[in-house]
Amino acid sequence: MVVEERNRAEDELEKGEWAGPKVVESVDPLGRAVQTLTSEHLSPKVIPSHAQSDECMWSEKTVNLLRLEREKQIIRRREDQRRQRYFDRLKHWNKSDYLNEDSI
């Protein structure tokens, strides 16, 4: 505990930041992006995604689940874009005066 506090204080004074656990983007065994905490000496600063994916996890069922998850994200994104377009057009319509040609 005392050593950790000393190291933390030294890092904050010398480098301006603590070199302890940080939140990083990582990849789980199924190849999905997740946020994890780094741990000193356990993981490098930058991990390529292909090095983290576990080959034995790629069964047909897993691939189908990942495909369904990806399709769900695509559908959700498409619905959000459609909803945004609708509200943009509604805002434009409410702003326009259909009797005045200059408002179009």
PDB file of N, CA and C in Angstrom:
ATOM      1  N   MET A   1       0.829  -1.192   0.000  1.00  0.00           N
ATOM      2  CA  MET A   1       0.000   0.000   0.000  1.00  0.00           C
ATOM      3  C   MET A   1       0.873   1.256   0.000  1.00  0.00           C
ATOM      4  N   VAL A   2       1.855   1.295   0.866  1.00  0.00           N
ATOM      5  CA  VAL A   2       2.733   2.461   0.950  1.00  0.00           C
ATOM      6  C   VAL A   2       3.551   2.593  -0.328  1.00  0.00           C
ATOM      7  N   VAL A   3       4.010   1.458  -0.858  1.00  0.00           N
ATOM      8  CA  VAL A   3       4.809   1.472  -2.084  1.00  0.00           C
ATOM      9  C   VAL A   3       3.963   1.978  -3.252  1.00  0.00           C
ATOM     10  N   GLU A   4       2.720   1.544  -3.311  1.00  0.00           N
ATOM     11  CA  GLU A   4       1.837   1.987  -4.389  1.00  0.00           C
ATOM     12  C   GLU A   4       1.597   3.494  -4.314  1.00  0.00           C
ATOM     13  N   GLU A   5       1.383   4.018  -3.109  1.00  0.00           N
ATOM     14  CA  GLU A   5       1.181   5.458  -2.946  1.00  0.00           C
ATOM     15  C   GLU A   5       2.432   6.229  -3.338  1.00  0.00           C
ATOM     16  N   ARG A   6       3.606   5.696  -2.967  1.00  0.00           N
ATOM     17  CA  ARG A   6       4.859   6.352  -3.333  1.00  0.00           C
ATOM     18  C   ARG A   6       5.027   6.375  -4.847  1.00  0.00           C
ATOM     19  N   ASN A   7       4.800   5.233  -5.497  1.00  0.00           N
ATOM     20  CA  ASN A   7       4.934   5.164  -6.952  1.00  0.00           C
ATOM     21  C   ASN A   7       3.932   6.088  -7.646  1.00  0.00           C
ATOM     22  N   ARG A   8       2.740   6.149  -7.094  1.00  0.00           N
ATOM     23  CA  ARG A   8       1.719   7.021  -7.674  1.00  0.00           C
ATOM     24  C   ARG A   8       2.138   8.483  -7.569  1.00  0.00           C
ATOM     25  N   ALA A   9       2.638   8.879  -6.411  1.00  0.00           N
ATOM     26  CA  ALA A   9       3.072  10.264  -6.212  1.00  0.00           C
ATOM     27  C   ALA A   9       4.241  10.606  -7.132  1.00  0.00           C
ATOM     28  N   GLU A  10       5.198   9.689  -7.265  1.00  0.00           N
ATOM     29  CA  GLU A  10       6.338   9.931  -8.159  1.00  0.00           C
ATOM     30  C   GLU A  10       5.880  10.093  -9.602  1.00  0.00           C
ATOM     31  N   ASP A  11       4.992   9.217 -10.044  1.00  0.00           N
ATOM     32  CA  ASP A  11       4.502   9.301 -11.423  1.00  0.00           C
ATOM     33  C   ASP A  11       3.738  10.600 -11.672  1.00  0.00           C
ATOM     34  N   GLU A  12       2.933  11.012 -10.703  1.00  0.00           N
ATOM     35  CA  GLU A  12       2.169  12.242 -10.884  1.00  0.00           C
ATOM     36  C   GLU A  12       3.083  13.457 -10.926  1.00  0.00           C
ATOM     37  N   LEU A  13       4.143  13.441 -10.134  1.00  0.00           N
ATOM     38  CA  LEU A  13       5.072  14.568 -10.139  1.00  0.00           C
ATOM     39  C   LEU A  13       5.942  14.587 -11.390  1.00  0.00           C
ATOM     40  N   GLU A  14       6.476  13.433 -11.779  1.00  0.00           N
ATOM     41  CA  GLU A  14       7.422  13.386 -12.886  1.00  0.00           C
ATOM     42  C   GLU A  14       6.739  13.386 -14.250  1.00  0.00           C
ATOM     43  N   LYS A  15       5.671  12.626 -14.394  1.00  0.00           N
ATOM     44  CA  LYS A  15       5.042  12.459 -15.705  1.00  0.00           C
ATOM     45  C   LYS A  15       3.734  13.229 -15.843  1.00  0.00           C
ATOM     46  N   GLY A  16       3.176  13.681 -14.746  1.00  0.00           N
ATOM     47  CA  GLY A  16       1.919  14.405 -14.808  1.00  0.00           C
ATOM     48  C   GLY A  16       0.691  13.513 -14.777  1.00  0.00           C
ATOM     49  N   GLU A  17       0.890  12.220 -14.778  1.00  0.00           N
ATOM     50  CA  GLU A  17      -0.240  11.293 -14.708  1.00  0.00           C
ATOM     51  C   GLU A  17       0.194  10.022 -13.994  1.00  0.00           C
ATOM     52  N   TRP A  18      -0.799   9.309 -13.496  1.00  0.00           N
ATOM     53  CA  TRP A  18      -0.513   8.070 -12.795  1.00  0.00           C
ATOM     54  C   TRP A  18      -0.428   6.939 -13.795  1.00  0.00           C
ATOM     55  N   ALA A  19       0.536   6.057 -13.603  1.00  0.00           N
ATOM     56  CA  ALA A  19       0.740   4.944 -14.534  1.00  0.00           C
ATOM     57  C   ALA A  19      -0.010   3.700 -14.092  1.00  0.00           C
ATOM     58  N   GLY A  20      -1.007   3.864 -13.274  1.00  0.00           N
ATOM     59  CA  GLY A  20      -1.772   2.722 -12.778  1.00  0.00           C
ATOM     60  C   GLY A  20      -2.807   2.249 -13.779  1.00  0.00           C
ATOM     61  N   PRO A  21      -3.782   1.491 -13.311  1.00  0.00           N
ATOM     62  CA  PRO A  21      -4.804   0.966 -14.219  1.00  0.00           C
ATOM     63  C   PRO A  21      -5.564   2.086 -14.928  1.00  0.00           C
ATOM     64  N   LYS A  22      -5.753   1.909 -16.233  1.00  0.00           N
ATOM     65  CA  LYS A  22      -6.498   2.866 -17.043  1.00  0.00           C
ATOM     66  C   LYS A  22      -7.564   2.104 -17.817  1.00  0.00           C
ATOM     67  N   VAL A  23      -8.597   2.798 -18.202  1.00  0.00           N
ATOM     68  CA  VAL A  23      -9.648   2.191 -19.019  1.00  0.00           C
ATOM     69  C   VAL A  23      -9.163   2.180 -20.465  1.00  0.00           C
ATOM     70  N   VAL A  24      -9.146   0.987 -21.068  1.00  0.00           N
ATOM     71  CA  VAL A  24      -8.698   0.843 -22.452  1.00  0.00           C
ATOM     72  C   VAL A  24      -9.733   0.055 -23.245  1.00  0.00           C
ATOM     73  N   GLU A  25      -9.730   0.270 -24.554  1.00  0.00           N
ATOM     74  CA  GLU A  25     -10.572  -0.519 -25.451  1.00  0.00           C
ATOM     75  C   GLU A  25      -9.888  -1.858 -25.667  1.00  0.00           C
ATOM     76  N   SER A  26     -10.632  -2.932 -25.510  1.00  0.00           N
ATOM     77  CA  SER A  26     -10.074  -4.271 -25.630  1.00  0.00           C
ATOM     78  C   SER A  26     -11.042  -5.133 -26.431  1.00  0.00           C
ATOM     79  N   VAL A  27     -10.668  -6.371 -26.649  1.00  0.00           N
ATOM     80  CA  VAL A  27     -11.502  -7.305 -27.396  1.00  0.00           C
ATOM     81  C   VAL A  27     -11.695  -8.553 -26.550  1.00  0.00           C
ATOM     82  N   ASP A  28     -12.952  -8.985 -26.388  1.00  0.00           N
ATOM     83  CA  ASP A  28     -13.210 -10.196 -25.613  1.00  0.00           C
ATOM     84  C   ASP A  28     -12.939 -11.432 -26.480  1.00  0.00           C
ATOM     85  N   PRO A  29     -13.002 -12.629 -25.899  1.00  0.00           N
ATOM     86  CA  PRO A  29     -12.696 -13.845 -26.682  1.00  0.00           C
ATOM     87  C   PRO A  29     -13.569 -14.048 -27.909  1.00  0.00           C
ATOM     88  N   LEU A  30     -14.737 -13.400 -27.961  1.00  0.00           N
ATOM     89  CA  LEU A  30     -15.602 -13.528 -29.131  1.00  0.00           C
ATOM     90  C   LEU A  30     -15.310 -12.476 -30.191  1.00  0.00           C
ATOM     91  N   GLY A  31     -14.361 -11.587 -29.912  1.00  0.00           N
ATOM     92  CA  GLY A  31     -13.980 -10.583 -30.892  1.00  0.00           C
ATOM     93  C   GLY A  31     -14.765  -9.291 -30.799  1.00  0.00           C
ATOM     94  N   ARG A  32     -15.566  -9.109 -29.738  1.00  0.00           N
ATOM     95  CA  ARG A  32     -16.344  -7.882 -29.570  1.00  0.00           C
ATOM     96  C   ARG A  32     -15.533  -6.856 -28.792  1.00  0.00           C
ATOM     97  N   ALA A  33     -15.746  -5.590 -29.076  1.00  0.00           N
ATOM     98  CA  ALA A  33     -15.037  -4.517 -28.381  1.00  0.00           C
ATOM     99  C   ALA A  33     -15.620  -4.337 -26.976  1.00  0.00           C
ATOM    100  N   VAL A  34     -14.750  -4.274 -25.974  1.00  0.00           N
ATOM    101  CA  VAL A  34     -15.160  -4.041 -24.591  1.00  0.00           C
ATOM    102  C   VAL A  34     -14.172  -3.071 -23.948  1.00  0.00           C
ATOM    103  N   GLN A  35     -14.602  -2.431 -22.865  1.00  0.00           N
ATOM    104  CA  GLN A  35     -13.714  -1.563 -22.104  1.00  0.00           C
ATOM    105  C   GLN A  35     -13.234  -2.326 -20.878  1.00  0.00           C
ATOM    106  N   THR A  36     -11.915  -2.333 -20.668  1.00  0.00           N
ATOM    107  CA  THR A  36     -11.342  -3.026 -19.518  1.00  0.00           C
ATOM    108  C   THR A  36     -10.322  -2.128 -18.837  1.00  0.00           C
ATOM    109  N   LEU A  37      -9.942  -2.520 -17.639  1.00  0.00           N
ATOM    110  CA  LEU A  37      -8.881  -1.822 -16.925  1.00  0.00           C
ATOM    111  C   LEU A  37      -7.559  -2.508 -17.205  1.00  0.00           C
ATOM    112  N   THR A  38      -6.524  -1.710 -17.411  1.00  0.00           N
ATOM    113  CA  THR A  38      -5.201  -2.295 -17.608  1.00  0.00           C
ATOM    114  C   THR A  38      -4.639  -2.683 -16.252  1.00  0.00           C
ATOM    115  N   SER A  39      -3.765  -3.623 -16.254  1.00  0.00           N
ATOM    116  CA  SER A  39      -3.077  -4.024 -15.041  1.00  0.00           C
ATOM    117  C   SER A  39      -1.598  -4.109 -15.381  1.00  0.00           C
ATOM    118  N   GLU A  40      -0.769  -3.480 -14.584  1.00  0.00           N
ATOM    119  CA  GLU A  40       0.657  -3.427 -14.878  1.00  0.00           C
ATOM    120  C   GLU A  40       1.219  -4.841 -14.998  1.00  0.00           C
ATOM    121  N   HIS A  41       2.024  -5.066 -16.001  1.00  0.00           N
ATOM    122  CA  HIS A  41       2.711  -6.324 -16.290  1.00  0.00           C
ATOM    123  C   HIS A  41       1.788  -7.418 -16.823  1.00  0.00           C
ATOM    124  N   LEU A  42       0.502  -7.166 -16.931  1.00  0.00           N
ATOM    125  CA  LEU A  42      -0.396  -8.197 -17.430  1.00  0.00           C
ATOM    126  C   LEU A  42      -0.734  -8.017 -18.901  1.00  0.00           C
ATOM    127  N   SER A  43      -0.810  -6.781 -19.354  1.00  0.00           N
ATOM    128  CA  SER A  43      -1.166  -6.560 -20.756  1.00  0.00           C
ATOM    129  C   SER A  43      -0.353  -5.402 -21.312  1.00  0.00           C
ATOM    130  N   PRO A  44       0.019  -5.483 -22.577  1.00  0.00           N
ATOM    131  CA  PRO A  44       0.758  -4.376 -23.182  1.00  0.00           C
ATOM    132  C   PRO A  44      -0.154  -3.166 -23.391  1.00  0.00           C
ATOM    133  N   LYS A  45       0.441  -2.018 -23.718  1.00  0.00           N
ATOM    134  CA  LYS A  45      -0.355  -0.811 -23.903  1.00  0.00           C
ATOM    135  C   LYS A  45      -1.275  -0.921 -25.110  1.00  0.00           C
ATOM    136  N   VAL A  46      -0.794  -1.519 -26.190  1.00  0.00           N
ATOM    137  CA  VAL A  46      -1.599  -1.668 -27.401  1.00  0.00           C
ATOM    138  C   VAL A  46      -1.661  -3.144 -27.755  1.00  0.00           C
ATOM    139  N   ILE A  47      -2.876  -3.672 -27.857  1.00  0.00           N
ATOM    140  CA  ILE A  47      -3.062  -5.088 -28.175  1.00  0.00           C
ATOM    141  C   ILE A  47      -3.818  -5.178 -29.491  1.00  0.00           C
ATOM    142  N   PRO A  48      -3.238  -5.804 -30.511  1.00  0.00           N
ATOM    143  CA  PRO A  48      -3.988  -5.964 -31.755  1.00  0.00           C
ATOM    144  C   PRO A  48      -5.176  -6.904 -31.554  1.00  0.00           C
ATOM    145  N   SER A  49      -6.299  -6.581 -32.181  1.00  0.00           N
ATOM    146  CA  SER A  49      -7.518  -7.355 -31.952  1.00  0.00           C
ATOM    147  C   SER A  49      -7.381  -8.798 -32.418  1.00  0.00           C
ATOM    148  N   HIS A  50      -6.622  -9.029 -33.498  1.00  0.00           N
ATOM    149  CA  HIS A  50      -6.484 -10.403 -33.980  1.00  0.00           C
ATOM    150  C   HIS A  50      -5.694 -11.268 -33.002  1.00  0.00           C
ATOM    151  N   ALA A  51      -4.859 -10.655 -32.175  1.00  0.00           N
ATOM    152  CA  ALA A  51      -4.084 -11.413 -31.199  1.00  0.00           C
ATOM    153  C   ALA A  51      -4.933 -11.800 -29.996  1.00  0.00           C
ATOM    154  N   GLN A  52      -6.022 -11.091 -29.760  1.00  0.00           N
ATOM    155  CA  GLN A  52      -6.844 -11.358 -28.587  1.00  0.00           C
ATOM    156  C   GLN A  52      -7.970 -12.344 -28.849  1.00  0.00           C
ATOM    157  N   SER A  53      -8.436 -12.437 -30.068  1.00  0.00           N
ATOM    158  CA  SER A  53      -9.565 -13.325 -30.328  1.00  0.00           C
ATOM    159  C   SER A  53      -9.134 -14.779 -30.184  1.00  0.00           C
ATOM    160  N   ASP A  54      -9.974 -15.543 -29.549  1.00  0.00           N
ATOM    161  CA  ASP A  54      -9.676 -16.941 -29.266  1.00  0.00           C
ATOM    162  C   ASP A  54     -10.237 -17.801 -30.396  1.00  0.00           C
ATOM    163  N   GLU A  55      -9.370 -18.522 -31.087  1.00  0.00           N
ATOM    164  CA  GLU A  55      -9.784 -19.297 -32.261  1.00  0.00           C
ATOM    165  C   GLU A  55     -10.783 -20.400 -31.913  1.00  0.00           C
ATOM    166  N   CYS A  56     -10.668 -21.000 -30.731  1.00  0.00           N
ATOM    167  CA  CYS A  56     -11.564 -22.106 -30.382  1.00  0.00           C
ATOM    168  C   CYS A  56     -12.990 -21.620 -30.107  1.00  0.00           C
ATOM    169  N   MET A  57     -13.187 -20.312 -29.962  1.00  0.00           N
ATOM    170  CA  MET A  57     -14.518 -19.771 -29.696  1.00  0.00           C
ATOM    171  C   MET A  57     -15.334 -19.584 -30.971  1.00  0.00           C
ATOM    172  N   TRP A  58     -14.743 -19.799 -32.126  1.00  0.00           N
ATOM    173  CA  TRP A  58     -15.419 -19.510 -33.388  1.00  0.00           C
ATOM    174  C   TRP A  58     -16.170 -20.727 -33.915  1.00  0.00           C
ATOM    175  N   SER A  59     -17.145 -21.198 -33.178  1.00  0.00           N
ATOM    176  CA  SER A  59     -17.993 -22.286 -33.662  1.00  0.00           C
ATOM    177  C   SER A  59     -19.105 -21.692 -34.530  1.00  0.00           C
ATOM    178  N   GLU A  60     -19.883 -22.555 -35.162  1.00  0.00           N
ATOM    179  CA  GLU A  60     -20.965 -22.074 -36.029  1.00  0.00           C
ATOM    180  C   GLU A  60     -22.010 -21.297 -35.226  1.00  0.00           C
ATOM    181  N   LYS A  61     -22.306 -21.778 -34.022  1.00  0.00           N
ATOM    182  CA  LYS A  61     -23.284 -21.104 -33.174  1.00  0.00           C
ATOM    183  C   LYS A  61     -22.788 -19.712 -32.779  1.00  0.00           C
ATOM    184  N   THR A  62     -21.507 -19.608 -32.439  1.00  0.00           N
ATOM    185  CA  THR A  62     -20.937 -18.321 -32.053  1.00  0.00           C
ATOM    186  C   THR A  62     -20.958 -17.341 -33.214  1.00  0.00           C
ATOM    187  N   VAL A  63     -20.603 -17.820 -34.388  1.00  0.00           N
ATOM    188  CA  VAL A  63     -20.611 -16.954 -35.569  1.00  0.00           C
ATOM    189  C   VAL A  63     -22.028 -16.466 -35.859  1.00  0.00           C
ATOM    190  N   ASN A  64     -23.008 -17.346 -35.715  1.00  0.00           N
ATOM    191  CA  ASN A  64     -24.407 -16.941 -35.923  1.00  0.00           C
ATOM    192  C   ASN A  64     -24.847 -15.910 -34.888  1.00  0.00           C
ATOM    193  N   LEU A  65     -24.439 -16.098 -33.626  1.00  0.00           N
ATOM    194  CA  LEU A  65     -24.791 -15.130 -32.588  1.00  0.00           C
ATOM    195  C   LEU A  65     -24.151 -13.774 -32.867  1.00  0.00           C
ATOM    196  N   LEU A  66     -22.893 -13.781 -33.292  1.00  0.00           N
ATOM    197  CA  LEU A  66     -22.222 -12.524 -33.621  1.00  0.00           C
ATOM    198  C   LEU A  66     -22.890 -11.843 -34.816  1.00  0.00           C
ATOM    199  N   ARG A  67     -23.314 -12.636 -35.804  1.00  0.00           N
ATOM    200  CA  ARG A  67     -24.002 -12.081 -36.966  1.00  0.00           C
ATOM    201  C   ARG A  67     -25.324 -11.445 -36.547  1.00  0.00           C
ATOM    202  N   LEU A  68     -26.073 -12.139 -35.680  1.00  0.00           N
ATOM    203  CA  LEU A  68     -27.342 -11.593 -35.197  1.00  0.00           C
ATOM    204  C   LEU A  68     -27.128 -10.308 -34.394  1.00  0.00           C
ATOM    205  N   GLU A  69     -26.074 -10.293 -33.584  1.00  0.00           N
ATOM    206  CA  GLU A  69     -25.774  -9.100 -32.803  1.00  0.00           C
ATOM    207  C   GLU A  69     -25.417  -7.927 -33.726  1.00  0.00           C
ATOM    208  N   ARG A  70     -24.640  -8.191 -34.756  1.00  0.00           N
ATOM    209  CA  ARG A  70     -24.261  -7.161 -35.720  1.00  0.00           C
ATOM    210  C   ARG A  70     -25.490  -6.652 -36.474  1.00  0.00           C
ATOM    211  N   GLU A  71     -26.378  -7.577 -36.878  1.00  0.00           N
ATOM    212  CA  GLU A  71     -27.604  -7.170 -37.571  1.00  0.00           C
ATOM    213  C   GLU A  71     -28.485  -6.311 -36.665  1.00  0.00           C
ATOM    214  N   LYS A  72     -28.545  -6.661 -35.388  1.00  0.00           N
ATOM    215  CA  LYS A  72     -29.338  -5.890 -34.432  1.00  0.00           C
ATOM    216  C   LYS A  72     -28.792  -4.464 -34.312  1.00  0.00           C
ATOM    217  N   GLN A  73     -27.464  -4.328 -34.276  1.00  0.00           N
ATOM    218  CA  GLN A  73     -26.854  -3.000 -34.206  1.00  0.00           C
ATOM    219  C   GLN A  73     -27.133  -2.201 -35.471  1.00  0.00           C
ATOM    220  N   ILE A  74     -27.077  -2.865 -36.632  1.00  0.00           N
ATOM    221  CA  ILE A  74     -27.344  -2.185 -37.902  1.00  0.00           C
ATOM    222  C   ILE A  74     -28.787  -1.696 -37.946  1.00  0.00           C
ATOM    223  N   ILE A  75     -29.729  -2.548 -37.522  1.00  0.00           N
ATOM    224  CA  ILE A  75     -31.146  -2.169 -37.515  1.00  0.00           C
ATOM    225  C   ILE A  75     -31.380  -1.004 -36.563  1.00  0.00           C
ATOM    226  N   ARG A  76     -30.769  -1.055 -35.379  1.00  0.00           N
ATOM    227  CA  ARG A  76     -30.931   0.025 -34.408  1.00  0.00           C
ATOM    228  C   ARG A  76     -30.378   1.339 -34.966  1.00  0.00           C
ATOM    229  N   ARG A  77     -29.207   1.280 -35.603  1.00  0.00           N
ATOM    230  CA  ARG A  77     -28.605   2.479 -36.179  1.00  0.00           C
ATOM    231  C   ARG A  77     -29.485   3.037 -37.306  1.00  0.00           C
ATOM    232  N   ARG A  78     -30.026   2.149 -38.144  1.00  0.00           N
ATOM    233  CA  ARG A  78     -30.901   2.579 -39.243  1.00  0.00           C
ATOM    234  C   ARG A  78     -32.166   3.241 -38.696  1.00  0.00           C
ATOM    235  N   GLU A  79     -32.755   2.673 -37.642  1.00  0.00           N
ATOM    236  CA  GLU A  79     -33.952   3.270 -37.043  1.00  0.00           C
ATOM    237  C   GLU A  79     -33.644   4.631 -36.433  1.00  0.00           C
ATOM    238  N   ASP A  80     -32.489   4.764 -35.793  1.00  0.00           N
ATOM    239  CA  ASP A  80     -32.096   6.055 -35.229  1.00  0.00           C
ATOM    240  C   ASP A  80     -31.916   7.102 -36.325  1.00  0.00           C
ATOM    241  N   GLN A  81     -31.288   6.707 -37.433  1.00  0.00           N
ATOM    242  CA  GLN A  81     -31.107   7.646 -38.544  1.00  0.00           C
ATOM    243  C   GLN A  81     -32.451   8.042 -39.141  1.00  0.00           C
ATOM    244  N   ARG A  82     -33.348   7.079 -39.294  1.00  0.00           N
ATOM    245  CA  ARG A  82     -34.678   7.353 -39.843  1.00  0.00           C
ATOM    246  C   ARG A  82     -35.453   8.295 -38.922  1.00  0.00           C
ATOM    247  N   ARG A  83     -35.367   8.035 -37.618  1.00  0.00           N
ATOM    248  CA  ARG A  83     -36.045   8.888 -36.643  1.00  0.00           C
ATOM    249  C   ARG A  83     -35.483  10.308 -36.692  1.00  0.00           C
ATOM    250  N   GLN A  84     -34.157  10.430 -36.806  1.00  0.00           N
ATOM    251  CA  GLN A  84     -33.525  11.746 -36.871  1.00  0.00           C
ATOM    252  C   GLN A  84     -33.949  12.500 -38.136  1.00  0.00           C
ATOM    253  N   ARG A  85     -34.008  11.790 -39.264  1.00  0.00           N
ATOM    254  CA  ARG A  85     -34.465  12.413 -40.515  1.00  0.00           C
ATOM    255  C   ARG A  85     -35.899  12.919 -40.378  1.00  0.00           C
ATOM    256  N   TYR A  86     -36.739  12.102 -39.744  1.00  0.00           N
ATOM    257  CA  TYR A  86     -38.139  12.497 -39.549  1.00  0.00           C
ATOM    258  C   TYR A  86     -38.231  13.787 -38.744  1.00  0.00           C
ATOM    259  N   PHE A  87     -37.506  13.868 -37.626  1.00  0.00           N
ATOM    260  CA  PHE A  87     -37.581  15.061 -36.789  1.00  0.00           C
ATOM    261  C   PHE A  87     -36.953  16.272 -37.465  1.00  0.00           C
ATOM    262  N   ASP A  88     -35.915  16.062 -38.270  1.00  0.00           N
ATOM    263  CA  ASP A  88     -35.334  17.173 -39.028  1.00  0.00           C
ATOM    264  C   ASP A  88     -36.331  17.718 -40.037  1.00  0.00           C
ATOM    265  N   ARG A  89     -37.019  16.817 -40.736  1.00  0.00           N
ATOM    266  CA  ARG A  89     -38.011  17.248 -41.721  1.00  0.00           C
ATOM    267  C   ARG A  89     -39.214  17.901 -41.045  1.00  0.00           C
ATOM    268  N   LEU A  90     -39.622  17.362 -39.900  1.00  0.00           N
ATOM    269  CA  LEU A  90     -40.728  17.959 -39.157  1.00  0.00           C
ATOM    270  C   LEU A  90     -40.364  19.363 -38.688  1.00  0.00           C
ATOM    271  N   LYS A  91     -39.157  19.536 -38.224  1.00  0.00           N
ATOM    272  CA  LYS A  91     -38.692  20.849 -37.782  1.00  0.00           C
ATOM    273  C   LYS A  91     -38.693  21.830 -38.956  1.00  0.00           C
ATOM    274  N   HIS A  92     -38.205  21.365 -40.104  1.00  0.00           N
ATOM    275  CA  HIS A  92     -38.193  22.212 -41.296  1.00  0.00           C
ATOM    276  C   HIS A  92     -39.621  22.552 -41.730  1.00  0.00           C
ATOM    277  N   TRP A  93     -40.516  21.584 -41.672  1.00  0.00           N
ATOM    278  CA  TRP A  93     -41.905  21.801 -42.067  1.00  0.00           C
ATOM    279  C   TRP A  93     -42.585  22.807 -41.141  1.00  0.00           C
ATOM    280  N   ASN A  94     -42.362  22.667 -39.841  1.00  0.00           N
ATOM    281  CA  ASN A  94     -42.974  23.588 -38.886  1.00  0.00           C
ATOM    282  C   ASN A  94     -42.417  24.998 -39.032  1.00  0.00           C
ATOM    283  N   LYS A  95     -41.176  25.084 -39.453  1.00  0.00           N
ATOM    284  CA  LYS A  95     -40.542  26.381 -39.620  1.00  0.00           C
ATOM    285  C   LYS A  95     -41.015  27.077 -40.899  1.00  0.00           C
ATOM    286  N   SER A  96     -41.371  26.300 -41.901  1.00  0.00           N
ATOM    287  CA  SER A  96     -41.730  26.892 -43.192  1.00  0.00           C
ATOM    288  C   SER A  96     -43.168  27.405 -43.186  1.00  0.00           C
ATOM    289  N   ASP A  97     -43.362  28.442 -43.930  1.00  0.00           N
ATOM    290  CA  ASP A  97     -44.693  29.015 -44.124  1.00  0.00           C
ATOM    291  C   ASP A  97     -45.107  28.669 -45.542  1.00  0.00           C
ATOM    292  N   TYR A  98     -46.053  27.769 -45.702  1.00  0.00           N
ATOM    293  CA  TYR A  98     -46.387  27.266 -47.034  1.00  0.00           C
ATOM    294  C   TYR A  98     -47.091  28.304 -47.903  1.00  0.00           C
ATOM    295  N   LEU A  99     -47.534  29.407 -47.314  1.00  0.00           N
ATOM    296  CA  LEU A  99     -48.146  30.470 -48.111  1.00  0.00           C
ATOM    297  C   LEU A  99     -47.104  31.445 -48.655  1.00  0.00           C
ATOM    298  N   ASN A 100     -45.920  31.437 -48.064  1.00  0.00           N
ATOM    299  CA  ASN A 100     -44.862  32.347 -48.478  1.00  0.00           C
ATOM    300  C   ASN A 100     -43.799  31.564 -49.239  1.00  0.00           C
ATOM    301  N   GLU A 101     -43.519  31.946 -50.488  1.00  0.00           N
ATOM    302  CA  GLU A 101     -42.550  31.208 -51.303  1.00  0.00           C
ATOM    303  C   GLU A 101     -41.119  31.393 -50.814  1.00  0.00           C
ATOM    304  N   ASP A 102     -40.829  32.495 -50.119  1.00  0.00           N
ATOM    305  CA  ASP A 102     -39.462  32.766 -49.660  1.00  0.00           C
ATOM    306  C   ASP A 102     -39.045  31.866 -48.501  1.00  0.00           C
ATOM    307  N   SER A 103     -39.970  31.265 -47.802  1.00  0.00           N
ATOM    308  CA  SER A 103     -39.621  30.439 -46.640  1.00  0.00           C
ATOM    309  C   SER A 103     -39.152  29.047 -47.026  1.00  0.00           C
ATOM    310  N   ILE A 104     -39.305  28.668 -48.278  1.00  0.00           N
ATOM    311  CA  ILE A 104     -38.922  27.328 -48.726  1.00  0.00           C
ATOM    312  C   ILE A 104     -37.517  27.293 -49.056  1.00  0.00           C
TER     313      ILE A 104
END
